Amino acid sequence: MGEQLTKSDVEKIKEEIEYRKLVVRKRELEAVKEARAQGDLSENFEYKAAKQDKNRNESRIRYLEKMLKHARIVTDDSKDDEVGINNTVAVYFEEDDETETYRLVTSVRGNSMQGLISIESPMGKAIRGHKAGDRVLVKTNGDEGYYVVIKEIVKTTDDSQDTLRRY
C-alpha cells in the first residue's frame, strides 16, 4: 500500500521531479564533466563528490516517481467541526496538563519539530475525524496509550509553505 497523498502533495512532487530533471540533473552532469577534465580520476575528490551528488539526485527522482506510482489520493476536505487534513488542532494532554497545537498533514509533509503531524502517526490516526471537546485515546503500543482532549479546530487549508520530507 502506498503513501496517502493529497492533490497538493502530488503537484509538489511533480514540481520537484521536473525541477530535478531539468535543472539539477543538468547542473550535476556539468559538474561531473568539469571534474573529469581535471585528470587522474583515482585521486580526484571533486570527481567523486560530483558523481555522488549526481547519483543522489537520480535516487531522489526515482524515489519520488515510485511514490507517485503507488500513492493513494486522499481528500483534504472535512466537515467544519471535525479534525481533517491541513487543520490546526489544539490538543490537551491530560497526563501532562499541557495544551499543544499541531497541524494534521500527510506523511510526506510530516515534521513533528515544526508541529506538523502525519495522519498516519498514532496521534494523527486518533484525532482525525473527531470534534472539539472529544476525549480520544492515542494508542501507542497495542491497547496501551494516553488520552487527549481536542480543545480547538482551526480550518487551515493553505499548505503552500510546507515542504516534502527527505528520505
N, C-alpha and C. Protein backbone atom coordinates (compact mmCIF):
# COMPACT_ATOMS: atom_id res chain seq x y z
N MET A 1 0.85 -1.16 0.00
CA MET A 1 0.00 0.00 0.00
C MET A 1 0.90 1.23 0.00
N GLY A 2 0.57 2.22 -0.81
CA GLY A 2 1.40 3.40 -0.96
C GLY A 2 1.07 4.51 0.01
N GLU A 3 1.81 5.58 -0.13
CA GLU A 3 1.61 6.77 0.69
C GLU A 3 0.24 7.37 0.43
N GLN A 4 -0.34 7.98 1.44
CA GLN A 4 -1.56 8.73 1.28
C GLN A 4 -1.16 10.16 0.94
N LEU A 5 -1.57 10.64 -0.22
CA LEU A 5 -1.20 11.96 -0.69
C LEU A 5 -2.44 12.76 -1.09
N THR A 6 -2.40 14.06 -0.86
CA THR A 6 -3.46 14.94 -1.35
C THR A 6 -3.07 15.38 -2.76
N LYS A 7 -4.02 16.01 -3.45
CA LYS A 7 -3.71 16.53 -4.79
C LYS A 7 -2.58 17.55 -4.73
N SER A 8 -2.55 18.33 -3.67
CA SER A 8 -1.49 19.32 -3.48
C SER A 8 -0.13 18.64 -3.33
N ASP A 9 -0.07 17.53 -2.59
CA ASP A 9 1.17 16.77 -2.44
C ASP A 9 1.65 16.27 -3.79
N VAL A 10 0.73 15.74 -4.58
CA VAL A 10 1.08 15.21 -5.90
C VAL A 10 1.67 16.31 -6.77
N GLU A 11 1.06 17.50 -6.74
CA GLU A 11 1.58 18.62 -7.52
C GLU A 11 2.98 19.02 -7.07
N LYS A 12 3.20 19.06 -5.76
CA LYS A 12 4.53 19.41 -5.24
C LYS A 12 5.57 18.38 -5.66
N ILE A 13 5.20 17.12 -5.62
CA ILE A 13 6.12 16.05 -6.02
C ILE A 13 6.45 16.17 -7.50
N LYS A 14 5.43 16.40 -8.32
CA LYS A 14 5.67 16.56 -9.76
C LYS A 14 6.57 17.76 -10.04
N GLU A 15 6.36 18.85 -9.31
CA GLU A 15 7.22 20.04 -9.48
C GLU A 15 8.66 19.73 -9.12
N GLU A 16 8.85 19.00 -8.02
CA GLU A 16 10.22 18.67 -7.61
C GLU A 16 10.88 17.75 -8.63
N ILE A 17 10.15 16.77 -9.14
CA ILE A 17 10.70 15.87 -10.16
C ILE A 17 11.13 16.66 -11.38
N GLU A 18 10.25 17.54 -11.84
CA GLU A 18 10.56 18.34 -13.03
C GLU A 18 11.79 19.23 -12.79
N TYR A 19 11.85 19.87 -11.63
CA TYR A 19 13.00 20.72 -11.31
C TYR A 19 14.28 19.89 -11.28
N ARG A 20 14.22 18.73 -10.66
CA ARG A 20 15.41 17.89 -10.56
C ARG A 20 15.85 17.38 -11.93
N LYS A 21 14.90 17.07 -12.80
CA LYS A 21 15.26 16.57 -14.13
C LYS A 21 15.80 17.68 -15.04
N LEU A 22 15.18 18.85 -14.98
CA LEU A 22 15.56 19.91 -15.91
C LEU A 22 16.69 20.81 -15.40
N VAL A 23 16.78 21.05 -14.11
CA VAL A 23 17.76 21.98 -13.59
C VAL A 23 18.91 21.25 -12.88
N VAL A 24 18.57 20.47 -11.86
CA VAL A 24 19.61 19.83 -11.04
C VAL A 24 20.40 18.81 -11.86
N ARG A 25 19.71 18.00 -12.66
CA ARG A 25 20.40 16.97 -13.45
C ARG A 25 21.43 17.62 -14.38
N LYS A 26 21.04 18.70 -15.04
CA LYS A 26 21.95 19.38 -15.97
C LYS A 26 23.16 19.93 -15.21
N ARG A 27 22.92 20.54 -14.06
CA ARG A 27 24.00 21.12 -13.25
C ARG A 27 24.95 20.02 -12.76
N GLU A 28 24.39 18.90 -12.32
CA GLU A 28 25.24 17.81 -11.80
C GLU A 28 26.06 17.16 -12.91
N LEU A 29 25.47 16.99 -14.08
CA LEU A 29 26.23 16.42 -15.21
C LEU A 29 27.38 17.34 -15.60
N GLU A 30 27.14 18.63 -15.59
CA GLU A 30 28.19 19.61 -15.90
C GLU A 30 29.31 19.54 -14.88
N ALA A 31 28.96 19.38 -13.59
CA ALA A 31 29.97 19.28 -12.54
C ALA A 31 30.82 18.02 -12.72
N VAL A 32 30.20 16.92 -13.12
CA VAL A 32 30.94 15.67 -13.35
C VAL A 32 31.90 15.86 -14.52
N LYS A 33 31.44 16.49 -15.60
CA LYS A 33 32.30 16.72 -16.77
C LYS A 33 33.50 17.59 -16.40
N GLU A 34 33.26 18.65 -15.64
CA GLU A 34 34.35 19.55 -15.25
C GLU A 34 35.36 18.82 -14.37
N ALA A 35 34.88 18.04 -13.43
CA ALA A 35 35.78 17.31 -12.54
C ALA A 35 36.55 16.24 -13.29
N ARG A 36 35.92 15.59 -14.26
CA ARG A 36 36.59 14.56 -15.05
C ARG A 36 37.73 15.17 -15.87
N ALA A 37 37.53 16.39 -16.32
CA ALA A 37 38.53 17.06 -17.15
C ALA A 37 39.79 17.42 -16.36
N GLN A 38 39.74 17.33 -15.05
CA GLN A 38 40.90 17.70 -14.24
C GLN A 38 41.98 16.63 -14.20
N GLY A 39 41.74 15.49 -14.80
CA GLY A 39 42.81 14.50 -14.90
C GLY A 39 42.53 13.22 -14.14
N ASP A 40 43.53 12.73 -13.43
CA ASP A 40 43.52 11.44 -12.74
C ASP A 40 42.28 11.28 -11.87
N LEU A 41 41.40 10.33 -12.25
CA LEU A 41 40.14 10.14 -11.54
C LEU A 41 40.30 9.36 -10.24
N SER A 42 41.39 8.61 -10.08
CA SER A 42 41.55 7.78 -8.89
C SER A 42 41.76 8.62 -7.63
N GLU A 43 42.32 9.82 -7.76
CA GLU A 43 42.55 10.67 -6.60
C GLU A 43 41.85 12.01 -6.73
N ASN A 44 40.82 12.06 -7.54
CA ASN A 44 40.13 13.31 -7.81
C ASN A 44 38.89 13.40 -6.91
N PHE A 45 39.02 14.12 -5.80
CA PHE A 45 37.92 14.27 -4.86
C PHE A 45 36.72 14.96 -5.51
N GLU A 46 36.97 15.99 -6.32
CA GLU A 46 35.88 16.72 -6.96
C GLU A 46 35.05 15.80 -7.85
N TYR A 47 35.71 14.88 -8.53
CA TYR A 47 35.00 13.95 -9.40
C TYR A 47 34.11 13.02 -8.57
N LYS A 48 34.67 12.47 -7.48
CA LYS A 48 33.89 11.57 -6.63
C LYS A 48 32.71 12.31 -6.02
N ALA A 49 32.91 13.51 -5.56
CA ALA A 49 31.82 14.31 -4.96
C ALA A 49 30.75 14.63 -6.00
N ALA A 50 31.18 14.99 -7.20
CA ALA A 50 30.22 15.31 -8.26
C ALA A 50 29.40 14.08 -8.63
N LYS A 51 30.04 12.92 -8.70
CA LYS A 51 29.32 11.68 -9.00
C LYS A 51 28.30 11.35 -7.90
N GLN A 52 28.70 11.54 -6.64
CA GLN A 52 27.79 11.28 -5.53
C GLN A 52 26.58 12.21 -5.59
N ASP A 53 26.81 13.49 -5.87
CA ASP A 53 25.71 14.44 -5.97
C ASP A 53 24.76 14.06 -7.12
N LYS A 54 25.34 13.67 -8.24
CA LYS A 54 24.54 13.26 -9.40
C LYS A 54 23.71 12.02 -9.04
N ASN A 55 24.33 11.04 -8.40
CA ASN A 55 23.62 9.82 -8.03
C ASN A 55 22.54 10.09 -6.98
N ARG A 56 22.80 11.00 -6.05
CA ARG A 56 21.81 11.37 -5.04
C ARG A 56 20.57 11.99 -5.70
N ASN A 57 20.80 12.84 -6.68
CA ASN A 57 19.70 13.46 -7.40
C ASN A 57 18.88 12.42 -8.16
N GLU A 58 19.55 11.51 -8.84
CA GLU A 58 18.85 10.46 -9.59
C GLU A 58 18.07 9.55 -8.65
N SER A 59 18.63 9.27 -7.49
CA SER A 59 17.94 8.45 -6.49
C SER A 59 16.68 9.14 -5.99
N ARG A 60 16.76 10.44 -5.75
CA ARG A 60 15.59 11.20 -5.29
C ARG A 60 14.49 11.19 -6.37
N ILE A 61 14.88 11.34 -7.61
CA ILE A 61 13.90 11.30 -8.71
C ILE A 61 13.19 9.95 -8.73
N ARG A 62 13.95 8.87 -8.65
CA ARG A 62 13.35 7.52 -8.65
C ARG A 62 12.43 7.33 -7.45
N TYR A 63 12.85 7.80 -6.28
CA TYR A 63 12.05 7.70 -5.06
C TYR A 63 10.71 8.42 -5.23
N LEU A 64 10.75 9.64 -5.73
CA LEU A 64 9.52 10.42 -5.90
C LEU A 64 8.61 9.81 -6.97
N GLU A 65 9.19 9.33 -8.06
CA GLU A 65 8.38 8.70 -9.11
C GLU A 65 7.71 7.43 -8.60
N LYS A 66 8.44 6.66 -7.82
CA LYS A 66 7.87 5.43 -7.24
C LYS A 66 6.75 5.79 -6.26
N MET A 67 6.96 6.85 -5.47
CA MET A 67 5.94 7.29 -4.52
C MET A 67 4.65 7.66 -5.27
N LEU A 68 4.78 8.40 -6.36
CA LEU A 68 3.60 8.78 -7.14
C LEU A 68 2.90 7.56 -7.74
N LYS A 69 3.70 6.62 -8.21
CA LYS A 69 3.15 5.42 -8.85
C LYS A 69 2.27 4.61 -7.90
N HIS A 70 2.66 4.55 -6.63
CA HIS A 70 1.96 3.71 -5.67
C HIS A 70 1.09 4.50 -4.69
N ALA A 71 0.94 5.79 -4.92
CA ALA A 71 0.20 6.64 -3.98
C ALA A 71 -1.30 6.39 -4.01
N ARG A 72 -1.91 6.64 -2.84
CA ARG A 72 -3.36 6.67 -2.74
C ARG A 72 -3.75 8.12 -2.52
N ILE A 73 -4.61 8.62 -3.37
CA ILE A 73 -5.02 10.02 -3.26
C ILE A 73 -6.13 10.12 -2.22
N VAL A 74 -5.93 11.02 -1.25
CA VAL A 74 -6.93 11.27 -0.21
C VAL A 74 -7.37 12.72 -0.31
N THR A 75 -8.57 12.97 0.11
CA THR A 75 -9.09 14.33 0.07
C THR A 75 -8.75 15.05 1.36
N ASP A 76 -8.51 16.34 1.24
CA ASP A 76 -8.24 17.12 2.44
C ASP A 76 -9.48 17.87 2.90
N ASP A 77 -10.63 17.47 2.37
CA ASP A 77 -11.91 18.05 2.81
C ASP A 77 -12.35 17.38 4.10
N SER A 78 -12.95 18.16 4.97
CA SER A 78 -13.53 17.61 6.20
C SER A 78 -14.67 18.52 6.62
N LYS A 79 -15.52 17.99 7.47
CA LYS A 79 -16.63 18.80 7.98
C LYS A 79 -16.05 19.95 8.79
N ASP A 80 -16.81 21.02 8.89
CA ASP A 80 -16.34 22.22 9.59
C ASP A 80 -16.01 21.98 11.05
N ASP A 81 -16.69 21.01 11.66
CA ASP A 81 -16.50 20.82 13.10
C ASP A 81 -15.65 19.60 13.45
N GLU A 82 -14.95 19.01 12.46
CA GLU A 82 -14.13 17.84 12.77
C GLU A 82 -12.71 17.99 12.24
N VAL A 83 -11.79 17.26 12.86
CA VAL A 83 -10.38 17.32 12.51
C VAL A 83 -10.16 16.63 11.17
N GLY A 84 -9.49 17.35 10.26
CA GLY A 84 -9.16 16.80 8.95
C GLY A 84 -7.76 17.23 8.54
N ILE A 85 -7.36 16.79 7.37
CA ILE A 85 -6.03 17.11 6.85
C ILE A 85 -5.91 18.63 6.67
N ASN A 86 -4.78 19.16 7.06
CA ASN A 86 -4.42 20.58 7.00
C ASN A 86 -5.09 21.42 8.07
N ASN A 87 -5.82 20.82 9.00
CA ASN A 87 -6.43 21.59 10.08
C ASN A 87 -5.45 21.71 11.24
N THR A 88 -5.48 22.89 11.87
CA THR A 88 -4.68 23.13 13.05
C THR A 88 -5.53 22.77 14.26
N VAL A 89 -4.96 21.98 15.16
CA VAL A 89 -5.72 21.44 16.28
C VAL A 89 -4.98 21.71 17.59
N ALA A 90 -5.70 22.25 18.56
CA ALA A 90 -5.17 22.41 19.92
C ALA A 90 -5.58 21.16 20.69
N VAL A 91 -4.57 20.47 21.24
CA VAL A 91 -4.79 19.20 21.92
C VAL A 91 -4.31 19.32 23.37
N TYR A 92 -5.17 18.93 24.29
CA TYR A 92 -4.84 18.97 25.72
C TYR A 92 -4.42 17.57 26.16
N PHE A 93 -3.20 17.48 26.72
CA PHE A 93 -2.67 16.22 27.21
C PHE A 93 -3.01 16.12 28.69
N GLU A 94 -3.88 15.19 29.05
CA GLU A 94 -4.36 15.07 30.42
C GLU A 94 -3.24 14.74 31.40
N GLU A 95 -2.36 13.80 31.05
CA GLU A 95 -1.30 13.37 31.96
C GLU A 95 -0.31 14.49 32.27
N ASP A 96 -0.06 15.36 31.29
CA ASP A 96 0.93 16.42 31.45
C ASP A 96 0.31 17.77 31.81
N ASP A 97 -1.01 17.86 31.73
CA ASP A 97 -1.72 19.11 31.98
C ASP A 97 -1.17 20.22 31.08
N GLU A 98 -0.98 19.88 29.79
CA GLU A 98 -0.46 20.83 28.81
C GLU A 98 -1.30 20.79 27.55
N THR A 99 -1.35 21.92 26.86
CA THR A 99 -2.02 22.01 25.57
C THR A 99 -0.98 22.31 24.51
N GLU A 100 -1.01 21.54 23.43
CA GLU A 100 -0.10 21.77 22.32
C GLU A 100 -0.91 21.90 21.04
N THR A 101 -0.34 22.61 20.08
CA THR A 101 -1.02 22.84 18.81
C THR A 101 -0.27 22.13 17.69
N TYR A 102 -1.03 21.41 16.87
CA TYR A 102 -0.46 20.68 15.74
C TYR A 102 -1.29 20.97 14.50
N ARG A 103 -0.68 20.71 13.35
CA ARG A 103 -1.44 20.71 12.11
C ARG A 103 -1.34 19.31 11.53
N LEU A 104 -2.48 18.76 11.17
CA LEU A 104 -2.55 17.41 10.63
C LEU A 104 -2.22 17.45 9.14
N VAL A 105 -1.22 16.68 8.71
CA VAL A 105 -0.78 16.67 7.32
C VAL A 105 -0.56 15.23 6.86
N THR A 106 -0.32 15.05 5.57
CA THR A 106 0.02 13.72 5.06
C THR A 106 1.45 13.39 5.48
N SER A 107 1.79 12.12 5.46
CA SER A 107 3.10 11.70 5.97
C SER A 107 4.26 12.27 5.16
N VAL A 108 4.03 12.59 3.92
CA VAL A 108 5.10 13.12 3.08
C VAL A 108 5.49 14.55 3.51
N ARG A 109 4.62 15.20 4.28
CA ARG A 109 4.91 16.54 4.77
C ARG A 109 5.11 16.57 6.29
N GLY A 110 4.96 15.43 6.95
CA GLY A 110 5.05 15.40 8.40
C GLY A 110 6.41 15.86 8.93
N ASN A 111 6.37 16.69 9.98
CA ASN A 111 7.58 17.16 10.63
C ASN A 111 7.19 17.59 12.03
N SER A 112 7.31 16.69 12.97
CA SER A 112 6.84 16.96 14.32
C SER A 112 7.59 18.12 14.99
N MET A 113 8.81 18.39 14.57
CA MET A 113 9.56 19.51 15.12
C MET A 113 8.94 20.85 14.74
N GLN A 114 8.17 20.86 13.66
CA GLN A 114 7.50 22.09 13.22
C GLN A 114 6.00 22.04 13.51
N GLY A 115 5.58 21.07 14.29
CA GLY A 115 4.17 20.98 14.65
C GLY A 115 3.30 20.37 13.57
N LEU A 116 3.90 19.69 12.61
CA LEU A 116 3.16 19.03 11.53
C LEU A 116 3.13 17.54 11.81
N ILE A 117 1.96 17.00 12.18
CA ILE A 117 1.89 15.57 12.48
C ILE A 117 1.17 14.84 11.36
N SER A 118 1.65 13.67 11.09
CA SER A 118 1.14 12.85 10.00
C SER A 118 -0.20 12.21 10.35
N ILE A 119 -1.04 12.06 9.33
CA ILE A 119 -2.31 11.37 9.51
C ILE A 119 -2.09 9.89 9.77
N GLU A 120 -0.87 9.41 9.53
CA GLU A 120 -0.56 8.00 9.75
C GLU A 120 0.13 7.76 11.09
N SER A 121 0.42 8.82 11.83
CA SER A 121 1.03 8.69 13.15
C SER A 121 -0.05 8.29 14.15
N PRO A 122 0.34 7.77 15.31
CA PRO A 122 -0.67 7.41 16.31
C PRO A 122 -1.57 8.59 16.69
N MET A 123 -1.00 9.76 16.87
CA MET A 123 -1.79 10.93 17.21
C MET A 123 -2.72 11.30 16.05
N GLY A 124 -2.18 11.32 14.84
CA GLY A 124 -2.98 11.68 13.67
C GLY A 124 -4.15 10.74 13.45
N LYS A 125 -3.88 9.43 13.59
CA LYS A 125 -4.95 8.44 13.44
C LYS A 125 -6.03 8.62 14.49
N ALA A 126 -5.59 8.94 15.71
CA ALA A 126 -6.54 9.05 16.82
C ALA A 126 -7.46 10.26 16.69
N ILE A 127 -6.91 11.42 16.33
CA ILE A 127 -7.73 12.64 16.36
C ILE A 127 -8.48 12.92 15.06
N ARG A 128 -8.06 12.32 13.96
CA ARG A 128 -8.71 12.58 12.67
C ARG A 128 -10.18 12.17 12.72
N GLY A 129 -11.04 13.08 12.32
CA GLY A 129 -12.47 12.80 12.28
C GLY A 129 -13.20 13.14 13.56
N HIS A 130 -12.48 13.48 14.62
CA HIS A 130 -13.12 13.83 15.89
C HIS A 130 -13.44 15.31 15.95
N LYS A 131 -14.24 15.69 16.94
CA LYS A 131 -14.71 17.07 17.08
C LYS A 131 -14.12 17.71 18.33
N ALA A 132 -14.20 19.04 18.39
CA ALA A 132 -13.74 19.77 19.57
C ALA A 132 -14.52 19.28 20.78
N GLY A 133 -13.81 19.05 21.88
CA GLY A 133 -14.43 18.54 23.11
C GLY A 133 -14.32 17.03 23.26
N ASP A 134 -14.00 16.33 22.17
CA ASP A 134 -13.88 14.87 22.24
C ASP A 134 -12.64 14.48 23.04
N ARG A 135 -12.80 13.44 23.86
CA ARG A 135 -11.67 12.83 24.58
C ARG A 135 -11.29 11.59 23.79
N VAL A 136 -10.02 11.52 23.39
CA VAL A 136 -9.59 10.50 22.45
C VAL A 136 -8.41 9.72 23.03
N LEU A 137 -8.42 8.40 22.85
CA LEU A 137 -7.31 7.55 23.25
C LEU A 137 -6.30 7.47 22.10
N VAL A 138 -5.07 7.87 22.36
CA VAL A 138 -3.99 7.74 21.39
C VAL A 138 -3.25 6.46 21.72
N LYS A 139 -3.41 5.44 20.88
CA LYS A 139 -2.78 4.14 21.13
C LYS A 139 -1.32 4.19 20.71
N THR A 140 -0.44 3.80 21.63
CA THR A 140 0.98 3.82 21.34
C THR A 140 1.57 2.42 21.17
N ASN A 141 0.99 1.44 21.87
CA ASN A 141 1.52 0.09 21.80
C ASN A 141 0.38 -0.88 22.09
N GLY A 142 -0.21 -1.41 21.06
CA GLY A 142 -1.34 -2.32 21.25
C GLY A 142 -2.52 -1.58 21.85
N ASP A 143 -2.93 -1.97 23.06
CA ASP A 143 -4.05 -1.32 23.72
C ASP A 143 -3.60 -0.21 24.67
N GLU A 144 -2.30 -0.04 24.82
CA GLU A 144 -1.78 1.00 25.71
C GLU A 144 -1.79 2.34 25.00
N GLY A 145 -1.84 3.40 25.80
CA GLY A 145 -1.82 4.72 25.21
C GLY A 145 -2.10 5.79 26.24
N TYR A 146 -2.53 6.93 25.78
CA TYR A 146 -2.83 8.06 26.65
C TYR A 146 -4.01 8.83 26.06
N TYR A 147 -4.68 9.59 26.92
CA TYR A 147 -5.84 10.34 26.48
C TYR A 147 -5.49 11.79 26.22
N VAL A 148 -6.12 12.33 25.18
CA VAL A 148 -6.03 13.75 24.87
C VAL A 148 -7.45 14.27 24.66
N VAL A 149 -7.60 15.57 24.84
CA VAL A 149 -8.89 16.21 24.59
C VAL A 149 -8.66 17.25 23.50
N ILE A 150 -9.50 17.20 22.49
CA ILE A 150 -9.41 18.17 21.40
C ILE A 150 -10.07 19.46 21.87
N LYS A 151 -9.27 20.51 22.00
CA LYS A 151 -9.75 21.79 22.53
C LYS A 151 -10.31 22.69 21.43
N GLU A 152 -9.61 22.75 20.30
CA GLU A 152 -10.00 23.69 19.25
C GLU A 152 -9.55 23.16 17.90
N ILE A 153 -10.35 23.44 16.87
CA ILE A 153 -10.02 23.07 15.50
C ILE A 153 -10.09 24.33 14.65
N VAL A 154 -9.00 24.62 13.96
CA VAL A 154 -8.98 25.78 13.07
C VAL A 154 -8.78 25.27 11.65
N LYS A 155 -9.69 25.63 10.77
CA LYS A 155 -9.59 25.20 9.37
C LYS A 155 -8.47 25.97 8.69
N THR A 156 -7.38 25.30 8.39
CA THR A 156 -6.26 25.90 7.67
C THR A 156 -6.01 25.06 6.43
N THR A 157 -6.26 25.62 5.30
CA THR A 157 -6.13 24.84 4.07
C THR A 157 -4.90 25.24 3.25
N ASP A 158 -4.19 26.28 3.67
CA ASP A 158 -3.02 26.72 2.92
C ASP A 158 -1.80 25.88 3.30
N ASP A 159 -1.36 25.05 2.37
CA ASP A 159 -0.18 24.22 2.62
C ASP A 159 0.98 24.62 1.71
N SER A 160 0.93 25.82 1.17
CA SER A 160 1.93 26.25 0.19
C SER A 160 3.33 26.36 0.79
N GLN A 161 3.45 26.59 2.08
CA GLN A 161 4.76 26.73 2.72
C GLN A 161 5.34 25.39 3.19
N ASP A 162 4.55 24.33 3.15
CA ASP A 162 5.02 23.01 3.57
C ASP A 162 6.01 22.46 2.57
N THR A 163 7.01 21.77 3.08
CA THR A 163 8.00 21.14 2.20
C THR A 163 7.86 19.62 2.29
N LEU A 164 8.31 18.95 1.26
CA LEU A 164 8.29 17.49 1.25
C LEU A 164 9.45 16.99 2.11
N ARG A 165 9.19 15.95 2.87
CA ARG A 165 10.26 15.41 3.72
C ARG A 165 11.30 14.70 2.86
N ARG A 166 12.46 14.62 3.40
CA ARG A 166 13.55 13.89 2.75
C ARG A 166 13.53 12.46 3.23
N TYR A 167 14.19 11.60 2.53
CA TYR A 167 14.25 10.20 2.94
C TYR A 167 15.50 9.92 3.68
